Amino acid sequence: MLLLPATVTLKEARDTSAMLAQALKREPEGPVVIDASGLQQFDTAVIAVLLECQRQAQAWGKSFSVKNAPVKLSSLAKLYGVDPLLSLEAV
């Protein structure tokens, strides 16, 4: 399971995306599961980060899901119509 940091805004998005990509490379087997329980401060950039991670997982033939998603994250994903792609499971 991969953990999202506490803050993912436009400022942190590039570094967070790179960190998740590196973590995905180290976990060659099994599904990709992101734990968003620690996420406290975020903006719409987190959606782009998660979509990129989902795209990479799909390219490697892996399933992708986000566990412990804050309500605000679920709402943003629904607003942008990408909630089915992210397989969000709320807290």
PDB file of N, CA and C in Angstrom:
ATOM      1  N   MET A   1       0.850  -1.174   0.000  1.00  0.00           N
ATOM      2  CA  MET A   1       0.000   0.000   0.000  1.00  0.00           C
ATOM      3  C   MET A   1       0.897   1.238   0.000  1.00  0.00           C
ATOM      4  N   LEU A   2       0.543   2.205  -0.826  1.00  0.00           N
ATOM      5  CA  LEU A   2       1.289   3.456  -0.932  1.00  0.00           C
ATOM      6  C   LEU A   2       0.545   4.542  -0.164  1.00  0.00           C
ATOM      7  N   LEU A   3       1.287   5.396   0.511  1.00  0.00           N
ATOM      8  CA  LEU A   3       0.682   6.449   1.323  1.00  0.00           C
ATOM      9  C   LEU A   3       0.799   7.816   0.667  1.00  0.00           C
ATOM     10  N   LEU A   4      -0.300   8.544   0.666  1.00  0.00           N
ATOM     11  CA  LEU A   4      -0.250   9.934   0.230  1.00  0.00           C
ATOM     12  C   LEU A   4       0.256  10.784   1.393  1.00  0.00           C
ATOM     13  N   PRO A   5       1.042  11.812   1.095  1.00  0.00           N
ATOM     14  CA  PRO A   5       1.481  12.708   2.171  1.00  0.00           C
ATOM     15  C   PRO A   5       0.312  13.546   2.698  1.00  0.00           C
ATOM     16  N   ALA A   6       0.545  14.258   3.786  1.00  0.00           N
ATOM     17  CA  ALA A   6      -0.507  15.068   4.404  1.00  0.00           C
ATOM     18  C   ALA A   6      -0.953  16.221   3.514  1.00  0.00           C
ATOM     19  N   THR A   7      -0.026  16.751   2.697  1.00  0.00           N
ATOM     20  CA  THR A   7      -0.343  17.893   1.840  1.00  0.00           C
ATOM     21  C   THR A   7      -0.032  17.564   0.383  1.00  0.00           C
ATOM     22  N   VAL A   8      -1.034  17.731  -0.471  1.00  0.00           N
ATOM     23  CA  VAL A   8      -0.832  17.585  -1.918  1.00  0.00           C
ATOM     24  C   VAL A   8      -1.590  18.724  -2.594  1.00  0.00           C
ATOM     25  N   THR A   9      -0.862  19.815  -2.829  1.00  0.00           N
ATOM     26  CA  THR A   9      -1.408  20.950  -3.560  1.00  0.00           C
ATOM     27  C   THR A   9      -0.583  21.084  -4.842  1.00  0.00           C
ATOM     28  N   LEU A  10      -0.873  22.088  -5.621  1.00  0.00           N
ATOM     29  CA  LEU A  10      -0.122  22.299  -6.858  1.00  0.00           C
ATOM     30  C   LEU A  10       1.374  22.366  -6.580  1.00  0.00           C
ATOM     31  N   LYS A  11       1.733  22.942  -5.454  1.00  0.00           N
ATOM     32  CA  LYS A  11       3.139  23.081  -5.075  1.00  0.00           C
ATOM     33  C   LYS A  11       3.828  21.720  -4.888  1.00  0.00           C
ATOM     34  N   GLU A  12       3.135  20.740  -4.316  1.00  0.00           N
ATOM     35  CA  GLU A  12       3.711  19.428  -4.026  1.00  0.00           C
ATOM     36  C   GLU A  12       3.407  18.363  -5.082  1.00  0.00           C
ATOM     37  N   ALA A  13       2.560  18.684  -6.041  1.00  0.00           N
ATOM     38  CA  ALA A  13       2.057  17.674  -6.977  1.00  0.00           C
ATOM     39  C   ALA A  13       3.167  16.955  -7.750  1.00  0.00           C
ATOM     40  N   ARG A  14       4.111  17.682  -8.286  1.00  0.00           N
ATOM     41  CA  ARG A  14       5.170  17.060  -9.088  1.00  0.00           C
ATOM     42  C   ARG A  14       5.994  16.091  -8.235  1.00  0.00           C
ATOM     43  N   ASP A  15       6.388  16.524  -7.040  1.00  0.00           N
ATOM     44  CA  ASP A  15       7.188  15.667  -6.167  1.00  0.00           C
ATOM     45  C   ASP A  15       6.393  14.448  -5.699  1.00  0.00           C
ATOM     46  N   THR A  16       5.126  14.647  -5.398  1.00  0.00           N
ATOM     47  CA  THR A  16       4.285  13.540  -4.959  1.00  0.00           C
ATOM     48  C   THR A  16       4.112  12.525  -6.078  1.00  0.00           C
ATOM     49  N   SER A  17       3.888  13.006  -7.284  1.00  0.00           N
ATOM     50  CA  SER A  17       3.738  12.113  -8.432  1.00  0.00           C
ATOM     51  C   SER A  17       5.019  11.308  -8.670  1.00  0.00           C
ATOM     52  N   ALA A  18       6.163  11.963  -8.573  1.00  0.00           N
ATOM     53  CA  ALA A  18       7.446  11.274  -8.752  1.00  0.00           C
ATOM     54  C   ALA A  18       7.660  10.237  -7.653  1.00  0.00           C
ATOM     55  N   MET A  19       7.310  10.576  -6.424  1.00  0.00           N
ATOM     56  CA  MET A  19       7.455   9.653  -5.305  1.00  0.00           C
ATOM     57  C   MET A  19       6.580   8.416  -5.500  1.00  0.00           C
ATOM     58  N   LEU A  20       5.348   8.612  -5.934  1.00  0.00           N
ATOM     59  CA  LEU A  20       4.453   7.482  -6.166  1.00  0.00           C
ATOM     60  C   LEU A  20       4.941   6.622  -7.327  1.00  0.00           C
ATOM     61  N   ALA A  21       5.455   7.247  -8.382  1.00  0.00           N
ATOM     62  CA  ALA A  21       5.982   6.494  -9.523  1.00  0.00           C
ATOM     63  C   ALA A  21       7.149   5.608  -9.091  1.00  0.00           C
ATOM     64  N   GLN A  22       8.038   6.140  -8.262  1.00  0.00           N
ATOM     65  CA  GLN A  22       9.164   5.353  -7.754  1.00  0.00           C
ATOM     66  C   GLN A  22       8.671   4.191  -6.889  1.00  0.00           C
ATOM     67  N   ALA A  23       7.695   4.453  -6.055  1.00  0.00           N
ATOM     68  CA  ALA A  23       7.141   3.407  -5.193  1.00  0.00           C
ATOM     69  C   ALA A  23       6.485   2.310  -6.022  1.00  0.00           C
ATOM     70  N   LEU A  24       5.809   2.691  -7.113  1.00  0.00           N
ATOM     71  CA  LEU A  24       5.177   1.703  -7.982  1.00  0.00           C
ATOM     72  C   LEU A  24       6.223   0.786  -8.617  1.00  0.00           C
ATOM     73  N   LYS A  25       7.351   1.340  -8.980  1.00  0.00           N
ATOM     74  CA  LYS A  25       8.418   0.541  -9.586  1.00  0.00           C
ATOM     75  C   LYS A  25       8.989  -0.473  -8.607  1.00  0.00           C
ATOM     76  N   ARG A  26       8.971  -0.141  -7.327  1.00  0.00           N
ATOM     77  CA  ARG A  26       9.501  -1.047  -6.305  1.00  0.00           C
ATOM     78  C   ARG A  26       8.510  -2.147  -5.930  1.00  0.00           C
ATOM     79  N   GLU A  27       7.260  -2.001  -6.320  1.00  0.00           N
ATOM     80  CA  GLU A  27       6.230  -2.995  -6.001  1.00  0.00           C
ATOM     81  C   GLU A  27       5.705  -3.619  -7.289  1.00  0.00           C
ATOM     82  N   PRO A  28       6.452  -4.587  -7.826  1.00  0.00           N
ATOM     83  CA  PRO A  28       6.088  -5.141  -9.129  1.00  0.00           C
ATOM     84  C   PRO A  28       4.861  -6.042  -9.115  1.00  0.00           C
ATOM     85  N   GLU A  29       4.498  -6.585  -7.973  1.00  0.00           N
ATOM     86  CA  GLU A  29       3.391  -7.542  -7.901  1.00  0.00           C
ATOM     87  C   GLU A  29       2.161  -6.929  -7.248  1.00  0.00           C
ATOM     88  N   GLY A  30       1.013  -7.475  -7.608  1.00  0.00           N
ATOM     89  CA  GLY A  30      -0.226  -7.138  -6.934  1.00  0.00           C
ATOM     90  C   GLY A  30      -0.845  -5.823  -7.360  1.00  0.00           C
ATOM     91  N   PRO A  31      -2.004  -5.534  -6.780  1.00  0.00           N
ATOM     92  CA  PRO A  31      -2.735  -4.306  -7.114  1.00  0.00           C
ATOM     93  C   PRO A  31      -2.050  -3.074  -6.526  1.00  0.00           C
ATOM     94  N   VAL A  32      -2.378  -1.931  -7.093  1.00  0.00           N
ATOM     95  CA  VAL A  32      -1.880  -0.661  -6.576  1.00  0.00           C
ATOM     96  C   VAL A  32      -2.973  -0.073  -5.689  1.00  0.00           C
ATOM     97  N   VAL A  33      -2.633   0.101  -4.414  1.00  0.00           N
ATOM     98  CA  VAL A  33      -3.584   0.654  -3.449  1.00  0.00           C
ATOM     99  C   VAL A  33      -2.941   1.877  -2.809  1.00  0.00           C
ATOM    100  N   ILE A  34      -3.622   3.005  -2.899  1.00  0.00           N
ATOM    101  CA  ILE A  34      -3.165   4.258  -2.308  1.00  0.00           C
ATOM    102  C   ILE A  34      -3.967   4.490  -1.025  1.00  0.00           C
ATOM    103  N   ASP A  35      -3.264   4.742   0.068  1.00  0.00           N
ATOM    104  CA  ASP A  35      -3.919   5.080   1.332  1.00  0.00           C
ATOM    105  C   ASP A  35      -3.923   6.598   1.479  1.00  0.00           C
ATOM    106  N   ALA A  36      -5.114   7.185   1.479  1.00  0.00           N
ATOM    107  CA  ALA A  36      -5.248   8.640   1.572  1.00  0.00           C
ATOM    108  C   ALA A  36      -5.619   9.094   2.977  1.00  0.00           C
ATOM    109  N   SER A  37      -5.492   8.222   3.961  1.00  0.00           N
ATOM    110  CA  SER A  37      -5.931   8.559   5.315  1.00  0.00           C
ATOM    111  C   SER A  37      -5.164   9.728   5.930  1.00  0.00           C
ATOM    112  N   GLY A  38      -3.918   9.923   5.530  1.00  0.00           N
ATOM    113  CA  GLY A  38      -3.119  11.018   6.081  1.00  0.00           C
ATOM    114  C   GLY A  38      -3.312  12.343   5.362  1.00  0.00           C
ATOM    115  N   LEU A  39      -4.058  12.333   4.278  1.00  0.00           N
ATOM    116  CA  LEU A  39      -4.257  13.539   3.473  1.00  0.00           C
ATOM    117  C   LEU A  39      -5.096  14.561   4.236  1.00  0.00           C
ATOM    118  N   GLN A  40      -4.511  15.735   4.476  1.00  0.00           N
ATOM    119  CA  GLN A  40      -5.210  16.758   5.246  1.00  0.00           C
ATOM    120  C   GLN A  40      -5.424  18.048   4.466  1.00  0.00           C
ATOM    121  N   GLN A  41      -4.426  18.450   3.709  1.00  0.00           N
ATOM    122  CA  GLN A  41      -4.529  19.699   2.949  1.00  0.00           C
ATOM    123  C   GLN A  41      -4.271  19.360   1.490  1.00  0.00           C
ATOM    124  N   PHE A  42      -5.247  19.690   0.621  1.00  0.00           N
ATOM    125  CA  PHE A  42      -5.095  19.359  -0.792  1.00  0.00           C
ATOM    126  C   PHE A  42      -6.000  20.241  -1.633  1.00  0.00           C
ATOM    127  N   ASP A  43      -5.686  20.260  -2.907  1.00  0.00           N
ATOM    128  CA  ASP A  43      -6.516  20.960  -3.882  1.00  0.00           C
ATOM    129  C   ASP A  43      -6.711  20.018  -5.063  1.00  0.00           C
ATOM    130  N   THR A  44      -7.190  20.531  -6.165  1.00  0.00           N
ATOM    131  CA  THR A  44      -7.484  19.675  -7.309  1.00  0.00           C
ATOM    132  C   THR A  44      -6.240  19.010  -7.899  1.00  0.00           C
ATOM    133  N   ALA A  45      -5.057  19.470  -7.554  1.00  0.00           N
ATOM    134  CA  ALA A  45      -3.831  18.838  -8.053  1.00  0.00           C
ATOM    135  C   ALA A  45      -3.747  17.382  -7.601  1.00  0.00           C
ATOM    136  N   VAL A  46      -4.332  17.047  -6.462  1.00  0.00           N
ATOM    137  CA  VAL A  46      -4.285  15.662  -5.994  1.00  0.00           C
ATOM    138  C   VAL A  46      -5.021  14.745  -6.967  1.00  0.00           C
ATOM    139  N   ILE A  47      -6.042  15.248  -7.612  1.00  0.00           N
ATOM    140  CA  ILE A  47      -6.771  14.451  -8.607  1.00  0.00           C
ATOM    141  C   ILE A  47      -5.842  14.109  -9.768  1.00  0.00           C
ATOM    142  N   ALA A  48      -5.077  15.083 -10.241  1.00  0.00           N
ATOM    143  CA  ALA A  48      -4.128  14.838 -11.338  1.00  0.00           C
ATOM    144  C   ALA A  48      -3.063  13.828 -10.923  1.00  0.00           C
ATOM    145  N   VAL A  49      -2.586  13.941  -9.698  1.00  0.00           N
ATOM    146  CA  VAL A  49      -1.572  13.003  -9.187  1.00  0.00           C
ATOM    147  C   VAL A  49      -2.144  11.584  -9.164  1.00  0.00           C
ATOM    148  N   LEU A  50      -3.344  11.432  -8.642  1.00  0.00           N
ATOM    149  CA  LEU A  50      -3.954  10.109  -8.569  1.00  0.00           C
ATOM    150  C   LEU A  50      -4.278   9.546  -9.950  1.00  0.00           C
ATOM    151  N   LEU A  51      -4.714  10.395 -10.862  1.00  0.00           N
ATOM    152  CA  LEU A  51      -4.992   9.925 -12.219  1.00  0.00           C
ATOM    153  C   LEU A  51      -3.721   9.452 -12.915  1.00  0.00           C
ATOM    154  N   GLU A  52      -2.610  10.138 -12.689  1.00  0.00           N
ATOM    155  CA  GLU A  52      -1.340   9.703 -13.269  1.00  0.00           C
ATOM    156  C   GLU A  52      -0.915   8.361 -12.693  1.00  0.00           C
ATOM    157  N   CYS A  53      -1.095   8.190 -11.411  1.00  0.00           N
ATOM    158  CA  CYS A  53      -0.763   6.925 -10.763  1.00  0.00           C
ATOM    159  C   CYS A  53      -1.670   5.808 -11.307  1.00  0.00           C
ATOM    160  N   GLN A  54      -2.933   6.109 -11.476  1.00  0.00           N
ATOM    161  CA  GLN A  54      -3.874   5.133 -12.036  1.00  0.00           C
ATOM    162  C   GLN A  54      -3.477   4.766 -13.462  1.00  0.00           C
ATOM    163  N   ARG A  55      -3.047   5.759 -14.238  1.00  0.00           N
ATOM    164  CA  ARG A  55      -2.622   5.503 -15.614  1.00  0.00           C
ATOM    165  C   ARG A  55      -1.410   4.575 -15.649  1.00  0.00           C
ATOM    166  N   GLN A  56      -0.457   4.817 -14.761  1.00  0.00           N
ATOM    167  CA  GLN A  56       0.724   3.961 -14.699  1.00  0.00           C
ATOM    168  C   GLN A  56       0.354   2.539 -14.285  1.00  0.00           C
ATOM    169  N   ALA A  57      -0.505   2.415 -13.305  1.00  0.00           N
ATOM    170  CA  ALA A  57      -0.943   1.086 -12.867  1.00  0.00           C
ATOM    171  C   ALA A  57      -1.620   0.347 -14.014  1.00  0.00           C
ATOM    172  N   GLN A  58      -2.479   1.043 -14.734  1.00  0.00           N
ATOM    173  CA  GLN A  58      -3.184   0.437 -15.861  1.00  0.00           C
ATOM    174  C   GLN A  58      -2.195   0.006 -16.949  1.00  0.00           C
ATOM    175  N   ALA A  59      -1.182   0.818 -17.215  1.00  0.00           N
ATOM    176  CA  ALA A  59      -0.178   0.484 -18.223  1.00  0.00           C
ATOM    177  C   ALA A  59       0.575  -0.794 -17.850  1.00  0.00           C
ATOM    178  N   TRP A  60       0.699  -1.049 -16.553  1.00  0.00           N
ATOM    179  CA  TRP A  60       1.392  -2.254 -16.081  1.00  0.00           C
ATOM    180  C   TRP A  60       0.425  -3.415 -15.842  1.00  0.00           C
ATOM    181  N   GLY A  61      -0.848  -3.210 -16.204  1.00  0.00           N
ATOM    182  CA  GLY A  61      -1.835  -4.273 -16.060  1.00  0.00           C
ATOM    183  C   GLY A  61      -2.273  -4.522 -14.632  1.00  0.00           C
ATOM    184  N   LYS A  62      -2.177  -3.508 -13.782  1.00  0.00           N
ATOM    185  CA  LYS A  62      -2.548  -3.652 -12.375  1.00  0.00           C
ATOM    186  C   LYS A  62      -3.858  -2.937 -12.083  1.00  0.00           C
ATOM    187  N   SER A  63      -4.566  -3.447 -11.097  1.00  0.00           N
ATOM    188  CA  SER A  63      -5.760  -2.730 -10.628  1.00  0.00           C
ATOM    189  C   SER A  63      -5.306  -1.558  -9.767  1.00  0.00           C
ATOM    190  N   PHE A  64      -6.191  -0.607  -9.565  1.00  0.00           N
ATOM    191  CA  PHE A  64      -5.865   0.621  -8.838  1.00  0.00           C
ATOM    192  C   PHE A  64      -7.045   1.011  -7.967  1.00  0.00           C
ATOM    193  N   SER A  65      -6.760   1.404  -6.732  1.00  0.00           N
ATOM    194  CA  SER A  65      -7.811   1.926  -5.867  1.00  0.00           C
ATOM    195  C   SER A  65      -7.218   2.867  -4.833  1.00  0.00           C
ATOM    196  N   VAL A  66      -8.084   3.702  -4.278  1.00  0.00           N
ATOM    197  CA  VAL A  66      -7.701   4.648  -3.231  1.00  0.00           C
ATOM    198  C   VAL A  66      -8.541   4.323  -2.007  1.00  0.00           C
ATOM    199  N   LYS A  67      -7.883   4.022  -0.913  1.00  0.00           N
ATOM    200  CA  LYS A  67      -8.554   3.693   0.346  1.00  0.00           C
ATOM    201  C   LYS A  67      -8.529   4.893   1.287  1.00  0.00           C
ATOM    202  N   ASN A  68      -9.481   4.932   2.187  1.00  0.00           N
ATOM    203  CA  ASN A  68      -9.545   5.963   3.231  1.00  0.00           C
ATOM    204  C   ASN A  68      -9.546   7.384   2.673  1.00  0.00           C
ATOM    205  N   ALA A  69     -10.276   7.583   1.606  1.00  0.00           N
ATOM    206  CA  ALA A  69     -10.347   8.903   0.973  1.00  0.00           C
ATOM    207  C   ALA A  69     -11.177   9.861   1.816  1.00  0.00           C
ATOM    208  N   PRO A  70     -10.642  11.058   2.098  1.00  0.00           N
ATOM    209  CA  PRO A  70     -11.451  12.068   2.784  1.00  0.00           C
ATOM    210  C   PRO A  70     -12.693  12.417   1.952  1.00  0.00           C
ATOM    211  N   VAL A  71     -13.737  12.826   2.619  1.00  0.00           N
ATOM    212  CA  VAL A  71     -14.990  13.166   1.936  1.00  0.00           C
ATOM    213  C   VAL A  71     -14.747  14.232   0.864  1.00  0.00           C
ATOM    214  N   LYS A  72     -13.918  15.215   1.172  1.00  0.00           N
ATOM    215  CA  LYS A  72     -13.647  16.285   0.203  1.00  0.00           C
ATOM    216  C   LYS A  72     -12.984  15.726  -1.053  1.00  0.00           C
ATOM    217  N   LEU A  73     -12.100  14.741  -0.915  1.00  0.00           N
ATOM    218  CA  LEU A  73     -11.457  14.129  -2.077  1.00  0.00           C
ATOM    219  C   LEU A  73     -12.487  13.388  -2.914  1.00  0.00           C
ATOM    220  N   SER A  74     -13.358  12.653  -2.271  1.00  0.00           N
ATOM    221  CA  SER A  74     -14.430  11.956  -2.993  1.00  0.00           C
ATOM    222  C   SER A  74     -15.319  12.943  -3.736  1.00  0.00           C
ATOM    223  N   SER A  75     -15.625  14.051  -3.087  1.00  0.00           N
ATOM    224  CA  SER A  75     -16.462  15.083  -3.718  1.00  0.00           C
ATOM    225  C   SER A  75     -15.787  15.692  -4.936  1.00  0.00           C
ATOM    226  N   LEU A  76     -14.485  15.976  -4.821  1.00  0.00           N
ATOM    227  CA  LEU A  76     -13.746  16.529  -5.967  1.00  0.00           C
ATOM    228  C   LEU A  76     -13.729  15.550  -7.136  1.00  0.00           C
ATOM    229  N   ALA A  77     -13.485  14.286  -6.837  1.00  0.00           N
ATOM    230  CA  ALA A  77     -13.437  13.276  -7.894  1.00  0.00           C
ATOM    231  C   ALA A  77     -14.792  13.160  -8.589  1.00  0.00           C
ATOM    232  N   LYS A  78     -15.868  13.214  -7.816  1.00  0.00           N
ATOM    233  CA  LYS A  78     -17.212  13.164  -8.407  1.00  0.00           C
ATOM    234  C   LYS A  78     -17.482  14.404  -9.242  1.00  0.00           C
ATOM    235  N   LEU A  79     -17.073  15.567  -8.735  1.00  0.00           N
ATOM    236  CA  LEU A  79     -17.265  16.823  -9.455  1.00  0.00           C
ATOM    237  C   LEU A  79     -16.622  16.771 -10.837  1.00  0.00           C
ATOM    238  N   TYR A  80     -15.431  16.196 -10.918  1.00  0.00           N
ATOM    239  CA  TYR A  80     -14.705  16.106 -12.187  1.00  0.00           C
ATOM    240  C   TYR A  80     -15.057  14.851 -12.978  1.00  0.00           C
ATOM    241  N   GLY A  81     -15.904  13.989 -12.418  1.00  0.00           N
ATOM    242  CA  GLY A  81     -16.361  12.803 -13.132  1.00  0.00           C
ATOM    243  C   GLY A  81     -15.313  11.701 -13.247  1.00  0.00           C
ATOM    244  N   VAL A  82     -14.337  11.701 -12.354  1.00  0.00           N
ATOM    245  CA  VAL A  82     -13.270  10.689 -12.432  1.00  0.00           C
ATOM    246  C   VAL A  82     -13.329   9.680 -11.291  1.00  0.00           C
ATOM    247  N   ASP A  83     -14.344   9.751 -10.450  1.00  0.00           N
ATOM    248  CA  ASP A  83     -14.432   8.829  -9.320  1.00  0.00           C
ATOM    249  C   ASP A  83     -14.416   7.355  -9.724  1.00  0.00           C
ATOM    250  N   PRO A  84     -15.025   6.956 -10.850  1.00  0.00           N
ATOM    251  CA  PRO A  84     -14.933   5.542 -11.222  1.00  0.00           C
ATOM    252  C   PRO A  84     -13.487   5.124 -11.568  1.00  0.00           C
ATOM    253  N   LEU A  85     -12.724   6.006 -12.133  1.00  0.00           N
ATOM    254  CA  LEU A  85     -11.339   5.693 -12.485  1.00  0.00           C
ATOM    255  C   LEU A  85     -10.471   5.493 -11.257  1.00  0.00           C
ATOM    256  N   LEU A  86     -10.778   6.208 -10.189  1.00  0.00           N
ATOM    257  CA  LEU A  86      -9.934   6.186  -8.995  1.00  0.00           C
ATOM    258  C   LEU A  86     -10.371   5.132  -7.979  1.00  0.00           C
ATOM    259  N   SER A  87     -11.532   4.538  -8.161  1.00  0.00           N
ATOM    260  CA  SER A  87     -12.027   3.518  -7.230  1.00  0.00           C
ATOM    261  C   SER A  87     -11.855   3.971  -5.780  1.00  0.00           C
ATOM    262  N   LEU A  88     -12.453   5.108  -5.453  1.00  0.00           N
ATOM    263  CA  LEU A  88     -12.323   5.686  -4.121  1.00  0.00           C
ATOM    264  C   LEU A  88     -13.168   4.952  -3.095  1.00  0.00           C
ATOM    265  N   GLU A  89     -12.553   4.674  -1.962  1.00  0.00           N
ATOM    266  CA  GLU A  89     -13.272   4.146  -0.820  1.00  0.00           C
ATOM    267  C   GLU A  89     -13.129   5.169   0.288  1.00  0.00           C
ATOM    268  N   ALA A  90     -14.238   5.759   0.697  1.00  0.00           N
ATOM    269  CA  ALA A  90     -14.223   6.842   1.690  1.00  0.00           C
ATOM    270  C   ALA A  90     -13.896   6.325   3.077  1.00  0.00           C
ATOM    271  N   VAL A  91     -13.486   7.281   3.925  1.00  0.00           N
ATOM    272  CA  VAL A  91     -13.190   6.987   5.325  1.00  0.00           C
ATOM    273  C   VAL A  91     -14.476   6.629   6.026  1.00  0.00           C
TER     274      VAL A  91
END
